[in-house]
Protein backbone atom coordinates (compact mmCIF):
# COMPACT_ATOMS: atom_id res chain seq x y z
CA MET A 1 0.02 0.06 0.08
CA ARG A 2 1.34 3.38 -0.88
CA GLY A 3 1.42 6.54 1.11
CA ASN A 4 -0.70 9.40 -0.37
CA ASN A 5 0.89 12.82 0.15
CA VAL A 6 -1.69 15.42 0.85
CA GLY A 7 -1.47 18.97 1.82
CA GLU A 8 2.01 19.70 0.64
CA GLY A 9 2.89 23.39 0.48
CA GLN A 10 0.07 24.43 2.88
CA ARG A 11 0.87 27.21 5.10
CA CYS A 12 -0.05 27.15 8.83
CA GLN A 13 -1.70 30.18 10.28
CA ARG A 14 0.68 29.84 13.33
CA GLY A 15 4.34 30.22 13.20
CA GLY A 16 6.98 27.79 14.28
CA TRP A 17 7.59 24.16 13.54
CA LEU A 18 4.91 21.56 12.99
CA ILE A 19 5.71 18.18 14.15
CA LEU A 20 3.78 15.08 13.08
CA LEU A 21 4.30 11.94 15.22
CA LYS A 22 3.31 8.32 14.50
CA MET A 23 1.26 6.58 17.26
CA SER A 24 2.00 2.89 17.06
CA GLU A 25 -1.05 0.69 16.56
CA THR A 26 -3.57 3.38 17.50
CA TYR A 27 -3.95 4.94 13.98
CA GLU A 28 -4.28 8.44 15.34
CA VAL A 29 -2.40 11.49 13.99
CA ARG A 30 -0.75 13.75 16.45
CA PHE A 31 0.74 16.98 15.80
CA VAL A 32 2.04 20.12 17.64
CA ILE A 33 3.43 23.56 16.77
CA VAL A 34 6.53 24.66 18.57
CA GLU A 35 8.73 27.81 18.34
CA THR A 36 12.25 26.72 17.86
CA GLU A 37 14.26 24.08 16.02
CA ARG A 38 15.56 22.78 19.34
CA GLU A 39 12.14 22.22 20.71
CA ALA A 40 11.28 20.49 17.48
CA GLU A 41 14.25 17.97 17.87
CA GLU A 42 12.95 17.13 21.40
CA GLN A 43 9.50 16.27 20.44
CA ASP A 44 9.97 12.36 19.77
CA GLU A 45 8.95 11.41 23.12
CA LEU A 46 6.62 14.31 24.05
CA GLU A 47 3.08 13.73 24.92
CA ILE A 48 0.97 15.62 22.46
CA GLU A 49 -2.23 17.34 23.82
CA GLU A 50 -3.13 19.90 21.27
CA HIS A 51 -5.35 18.43 18.39
CA ALA A 52 -4.32 14.91 19.22
CA ASN A 53 -7.75 13.48 18.42
CA GLU A 54 -9.00 15.83 15.67
CA VAL A 55 -8.12 13.44 12.91
CA GLY A 56 -8.56 9.62 12.66
CA GLY A 57 -10.37 7.69 15.29
CA SER A 58 -11.58 4.18 14.65
CA GLY A 59 -10.01 2.93 11.36
CA GLY A 60 -8.46 6.42 10.73
CA VAL A 61 -5.09 7.08 9.37
CA VAL A 62 -1.44 6.96 10.47
CA VAL A 63 1.46 9.11 9.52
CA VAL A 64 3.86 7.33 7.33
CA TRP A 65 7.03 8.74 9.02
CA ALA A 66 7.56 10.72 12.13
CA ALA A 67 9.73 13.75 11.66
CA VAL A 68 10.00 17.52 11.60
CA VAL A 69 7.96 18.27 8.48
CA ALA A 70 7.61 21.85 8.46
CA ARG A 71 9.50 25.01 9.31
CA TRP A 72 8.09 28.47 10.20
CA GLY A 73 4.59 27.34 9.29
CA MET A 74 5.21 25.72 5.93
CA VAL A 75 4.16 22.09 5.64
CA VAL A 76 6.86 20.20 3.76
CA ALA A 77 5.16 16.80 3.47
CA VAL A 78 2.17 15.21 5.20
CA GLY A 79 2.14 11.57 4.34
CA PHE A 80 -0.78 9.27 5.33
CA TRP A 81 -1.15 5.47 5.01
CA GLY A 82 -4.29 4.46 3.27
CA SER A 83 -6.94 2.87 5.45
CA SER A 84 -10.63 2.02 5.59
CA GLY A 85 -11.35 5.20 7.52
CA GLY A 86 -9.87 7.65 5.03
CA VAL A 87 -8.55 11.05 5.84
CA ASN A 88 -10.61 13.83 7.43
CA GLU A 89 -8.84 16.53 5.43
CA GLU A 90 -11.22 19.22 6.28
CA THR A 91 -10.66 18.76 9.99
CA PHE A 92 -6.97 18.47 9.70
CA PHE A 93 -6.43 21.49 7.55
CA SER A 94 -8.62 23.70 9.33
CA THR A 95 -5.56 25.41 10.78
CA MET A 96 -4.05 25.93 7.37
CA SER A 97 -4.58 28.37 4.58
CA ALA A 98 -4.20 27.96 0.79
CA PRO A 99 -1.02 27.36 -1.05
CA SER A 100 1.20 30.31 -1.06
CA VAL A 101 2.06 30.37 -4.72
CA THR A 102 0.68 29.16 -8.07
CA GLY A 103 3.11 28.57 -11.08
CA TYR A 104 2.76 27.21 -14.47
CA GLU A 105 4.01 24.40 -16.63
CA MET A 106 7.78 24.54 -16.54
CA MET A 107 10.57 22.01 -17.61
CA GLU A 108 13.63 21.22 -15.67
CA ILE A 109 16.57 19.36 -17.28
CA PHE A 110 18.45 17.48 -14.42
CA LYS A 111 21.40 15.60 -15.98
CA LEU A 112 23.02 14.56 -19.13
CA ARG A 113 24.71 11.14 -18.83
CA ILE A 114 26.87 9.43 -21.42
CA THR A 115 25.40 6.05 -22.53
CA SER A 116 27.94 5.31 -25.39
CA ILE A 117 30.93 7.06 -26.88
CA ILE A 118 33.87 6.22 -29.23
CA PRO A 119 36.76 5.06 -27.43
CA THR A 120 39.03 7.55 -29.22
CA ARG A 121 37.03 10.54 -27.91
CA ASN A 122 38.01 11.95 -24.64
CA CYS A 123 35.56 14.69 -24.47
CA LEU A 124 31.93 15.32 -25.34
CA PHE A 125 31.76 17.18 -28.64
CA GLY A 126 28.22 18.54 -28.92
CA THR A 127 25.69 21.04 -27.82
CA LEU A 128 22.42 20.62 -26.12
CA ILE A 129 19.97 23.23 -27.19
CA VAL A 130 16.37 24.11 -26.25
CA ARG A 131 14.51 25.72 -28.98
CA TYR A 132 11.02 27.50 -28.91
CA TYR A 133 8.59 28.58 -31.55
CA SER A 134 8.99 32.35 -30.75
CA ASP A 135 11.72 32.80 -28.17
CA PRO A 136 15.42 32.65 -28.81
CA PRO A 137 17.17 29.24 -28.19
CA GLN A 138 18.83 28.49 -24.90
CA ILE A 139 21.97 26.46 -24.66
CA ILE A 140 21.88 23.74 -21.93
CA TYR A 141 25.32 22.23 -22.45
CA SER A 142 28.31 23.57 -24.28
CA PRO A 143 31.82 21.99 -24.06
CA GLU A 144 33.42 25.51 -24.49
CA LYS A 145 31.93 26.59 -21.21
CA VAL A 146 33.30 23.52 -19.16
CA ASN A 147 36.81 24.24 -17.88
CA ASN A 148 37.45 21.10 -15.75
CA VAL A 149 36.79 18.53 -18.59
CA GLU A 150 37.88 15.05 -17.44
CA PRO A 151 38.26 11.91 -19.62
CA LEU A 152 34.82 10.68 -20.18
CA ARG A 153 33.40 7.16 -19.87
CA VAL A 154 29.97 5.48 -20.22
CA GLY A 155 27.92 6.38 -17.31
CA ALA A 156 29.56 9.69 -16.54
CA GLU A 157 27.63 12.81 -16.14
CA VAL A 158 28.65 15.93 -17.96
CA LEU A 159 28.35 19.26 -16.20
CA LEU A 160 25.42 21.25 -17.65
CA THR A 161 26.13 25.09 -18.36
CA GLY A 162 22.28 26.10 -18.59
CA PRO A 163 19.82 27.08 -19.23
CA PRO A 164 20.23 30.76 -18.40
CA GLN A 165 16.43 31.21 -17.92
CA CYS A 166 13.75 28.60 -16.75
CA ILE A 167 12.21 26.81 -19.56
CA SER A 168 8.48 27.53 -20.03
CA ALA A 169 6.54 24.34 -21.21
CA LEU A 170 3.22 26.19 -21.98
CA ASP A 171 4.09 25.98 -25.65
CA PRO A 172 5.80 23.15 -27.49
CA VAL A 173 9.66 22.81 -26.79
CA SER A 174 12.26 21.33 -29.04
CA ILE A 175 15.41 19.88 -27.49
CA GLN A 176 18.33 19.02 -29.89
CA PHE A 177 21.71 17.46 -29.32
CA VAL A 178 23.92 18.91 -32.08
CA ASP A 179 27.29 17.21 -32.91
CA HIS A 180 28.45 20.29 -34.79
CA PRO A 181 26.93 23.80 -34.73
CA ILE A 182 26.83 23.88 -38.48
CA ILE A 183 25.16 20.47 -39.08
CA GLU A 184 21.51 20.11 -38.45
CA PRO A 185 20.71 17.23 -36.00
CA GLY A 186 18.94 14.14 -37.38
CA PRO A 187 15.70 12.84 -35.99
CA GLN A 188 17.34 10.62 -33.36
CA ALA A 189 19.10 13.74 -31.92
CA THR A 190 15.88 15.84 -31.66
CA PHE A 191 13.06 15.69 -29.08
CA LEU A 192 9.75 17.64 -29.03
CA TRP A 193 7.73 18.21 -25.92
CA ASP A 194 4.12 19.25 -26.52
CA GLY A 195 2.15 19.12 -23.28
CA ARG A 196 -1.13 18.97 -25.32
CA VAL A 197 -0.29 15.45 -26.33
CA MET A 198 2.04 14.32 -23.58
CA THR A 199 -0.66 13.80 -21.07
CA GLY A 200 0.14 11.63 -18.09
CA HIS A 201 3.96 12.50 -18.17
CA PHE A 202 3.89 15.60 -15.88
CA ASP A 203 5.45 15.90 -12.32
CA ARG A 204 7.80 12.95 -12.48
CA PRO A 205 11.28 12.13 -13.73
CA LEU A 206 11.46 11.39 -17.43
CA TYR A 207 14.42 10.26 -19.72
CA LYS A 208 15.36 10.80 -23.34
CA THR A 209 18.33 9.33 -25.17
CA PHE A 210 19.88 11.25 -28.07
CA TYR A 211 21.98 9.24 -30.58
CA CYS A 212 24.74 11.19 -32.51
CA LYS A 213 27.67 10.61 -34.56
CA TYR A 214 30.26 10.02 -31.70
CA GLY A 215 27.95 8.11 -29.34
CA SER A 216 24.72 8.64 -27.35
CA VAL A 217 23.70 10.59 -24.28
CA MET A 218 20.66 10.33 -21.99
CA MET A 219 18.80 13.31 -20.60
CA SER A 220 16.84 13.27 -17.46
CA TYR A 221 14.10 15.93 -17.11
CA ALA A 222 10.72 16.79 -15.76
CA VAL A 223 7.77 18.95 -16.54
CA PHE A 224 5.95 20.35 -13.47
CA THR A 225 2.38 21.48 -14.00
CA ASN A 226 2.70 24.09 -11.17
CA GLY A 227 6.33 25.05 -11.59
CA VAL A 228 8.21 28.13 -10.04
CA GLY A 229 11.49 29.43 -11.04
CA ALA A 230 14.38 30.04 -8.64
CA SER A 231 17.46 32.04 -9.25
CA VAL A 232 20.40 30.76 -6.86
CA GLU A 233 23.23 32.77 -5.82
CA VAL A 234 25.84 31.67 -3.21
CA THR A 235 28.60 33.95 -1.69
CA LEU A 236 31.59 33.19 0.41
CA ASN A 237 30.77 34.87 3.74
CA ASN A 238 33.46 34.02 6.26
CA ILE A 239 36.82 32.23 5.73
CA MET A 240 38.55 32.23 9.17
CA GLY A 241 39.48 35.91 8.91
CA LYS A 242 41.21 35.37 5.49
CA ASP A 243 40.60 37.89 2.54
CA ALA A 244 40.62 35.17 -0.11
CA THR A 245 40.94 31.48 -0.37
CA HIS A 246 41.01 28.79 -3.14
CA ILE A 247 37.73 26.61 -2.88
CA TYR A 248 36.62 23.41 -4.47
CA GLY A 249 33.84 20.87 -3.89
CA SER A 250 30.17 20.80 -4.99
CA ILE A 251 26.84 22.73 -4.62
CA THR A 252 23.69 21.06 -5.81
CA ALA A 253 19.93 22.01 -5.95
CA GLU A 254 17.04 19.42 -5.67
CA ASN A 255 13.24 19.55 -4.92
CA ASN A 256 11.41 17.22 -2.64
CA ARG A 257 9.22 15.80 -5.37
CA THR A 258 12.11 14.22 -7.56
CA GLY A 259 14.61 13.71 -4.88
CA SER A 260 18.39 13.53 -4.77
CA ASP A 261 18.62 11.44 -7.81
CA CYS A 262 17.41 14.30 -9.87
CA ALA A 263 19.58 17.01 -8.14
CA ILE A 264 21.15 19.62 -10.54
CA THR A 265 24.83 20.59 -10.31
CA LEU A 266 25.42 24.28 -9.71
CA PHE A 267 29.15 23.98 -8.91
CA SER A 268 31.45 21.06 -9.21
CA ILE A 269 35.26 21.01 -8.79
CA LYS A 270 36.44 17.69 -7.67
CA ASN A 271 40.17 18.26 -6.74
CA SER A 272 42.17 21.06 -5.07
CA ARG A 273 44.39 21.54 -8.13
CA GLN A 274 41.55 23.12 -10.12
CA SER A 275 40.26 25.16 -7.14
CA VAL A 276 38.76 28.66 -7.68
CA LYS A 277 40.30 31.68 -5.86
CA LEU A 278 37.58 33.75 -4.29
CA GLY A 279 37.44 36.62 -1.82
CA SER A 280 34.96 37.16 1.07
CA GLN A 281 31.55 38.29 -0.02
CA GLN A 282 32.41 37.10 -3.65
CA PRO A 283 29.73 34.97 -5.57
CA ILE A 284 30.81 31.42 -6.26
CA PRO A 285 30.92 30.98 -10.13
CA PHE A 286 28.09 28.51 -11.10
CA SER A 287 27.90 26.44 -14.29
CA ARG A 288 24.11 27.09 -14.09
CA SER A 289 22.13 29.06 -11.58
CA GLU A 290 18.31 28.47 -12.43
CA ALA A 291 16.21 25.80 -10.97
CA VAL A 292 12.52 24.86 -11.16
CA VAL A 293 10.44 23.71 -8.07
CA PRO A 294 6.78 22.51 -7.89
CA GLY A 295 4.60 25.18 -6.22
CA TYR A 296 3.65 22.49 -3.61
CA GLY A 297 7.21 21.48 -2.98
CA TYR A 298 10.43 23.11 -1.66
CA LEU A 299 14.05 23.61 -2.83
CA ILE A 300 17.04 21.99 -1.24
CA ILE A 301 20.51 23.55 -1.58
CA ARG A 302 23.26 21.07 -0.61
CA ALA A 303 26.96 22.35 -0.16
CA ASP A 304 30.17 20.51 0.40
CA LEU A 305 33.02 22.88 -0.07
CA CYS A 306 36.62 22.80 1.02
CA CYS A 307 39.64 25.08 0.70
CA ARG A 308 43.50 24.21 0.31
CA ASP A 309 44.83 27.44 2.02
CA ILE A 310 44.27 26.41 5.74
CA TYR A 311 45.22 22.80 4.99
CA PRO A 312 44.06 20.39 2.14
CA GLY A 313 40.47 19.51 2.65
CA ALA A 314 39.58 22.15 5.30
CA GLU A 315 35.91 22.29 5.41
CA ILE A 316 34.35 25.71 4.38
CA ALA A 317 30.63 24.69 4.29
CA LYS A 318 28.88 21.35 4.62
CA GLY A 319 25.21 20.90 5.00
CA HIS A 320 21.88 21.97 3.32
CA ALA A 321 19.23 24.83 3.40
CA TYR A 322 15.47 24.63 2.61
CA PHE A 323 13.63 27.28 0.59
CA TYR A 324 9.84 27.44 0.15
CA PRO A 325 8.29 28.90 -3.03
CA THR A 326 6.80 32.27 -2.83
CA SER A 327 5.85 34.96 -5.50
CA TYR A 328 8.71 37.38 -6.54
CA SER A 329 10.64 37.25 -3.18
CA THR A 330 14.16 36.79 -2.22
CA TYR A 331 15.26 34.69 0.85
CA GLU A 332 18.68 33.90 2.39
CA GLU A 333 20.05 31.18 4.58
CA SER A 334 23.62 30.25 5.68
CA ILE A 335 25.40 26.97 5.42
CA SER A 336 28.45 26.68 7.94
CA GLY A 337 31.55 24.56 7.99
CA LYS A 338 34.37 24.15 10.50
CA TYR A 339 36.48 27.08 8.83
CA GLY A 340 33.89 29.10 7.06
CA MET A 341 30.39 29.93 6.01
CA ILE A 342 28.41 30.60 2.72
CA GLN A 343 25.34 32.71 2.22
CA VAL A 344 22.67 31.26 -0.05
CA LYS A 345 20.31 33.55 -1.84
CA ILE A 346 17.11 32.39 -3.62
CA THR A 347 15.02 34.77 -5.79
CA TRP A 348 11.65 33.23 -6.77
CA HIS A 349 10.07 34.23 -10.05
CA LEU A 350 7.24 32.97 -12.35
């Protein structure tokens, strides 16, 4: 039996953290709103009094997992296990208001993975392009923009360098992998998305393989029916009193609907020899900076950054930050490490 997520993206009228706890064998939903993260972490064994019996009852429902599921009033995920009693949603959501943001059909391209390549080739020679009927094309991958090119192998992911703007899927979208900019791609290297005929293919990861002269690549993507765009910027905030340092590591973005398997890479330098020198308060150079999130979901930025100046592998930032979609607003969170801190800024747009 599968869990049915309901109420994602709902906003509580009260602030603080919303805790959902599983009551073993009793099939009742327990929840409480607290004010701080520390209180939230201490709720596992707490007896809940407020609204303990508003939902459920005989043959009611049980929460799939017990965890902190909301921060500052925004519900992240409310999962219910199906049962004969069903869910009294009207009662449970009486303390919540309508979703905070409504988007439109938007496409997110997550990854480009090599599925075959001629052995004599040590780099991917080709360009991934998104074309519209009216708007100018957008380049998703261009080898000229990738500085840290490593020898490629089957199964390896290439570092995407776009799109510079979020991809609208309200109108048909053509995606092409071009072996050479002068040569028009063949039918096996072209993909057309048309939401009017691609029914049943929304809001989940999808895959498309492009066959080209020098091999083949597989693109993973999704089209969200209620997508919201996010512009991501990360600055180096504190480096143990240093004016500048050489950083390397990774920064990724993902949403809760498609998970970490579909995380997009914003910054990736794997070894210290290719590290980037940055000063305090200077933005980290991204290969791509736009992400798409479902309006009922949330964005997770994960960072694992090191520097080589203090000592090889010194941790600058390691952790994650959550961001919830709103209309045309900017939010900031920090991610810390043993020897530094970064500031993550998200600007939402439709």
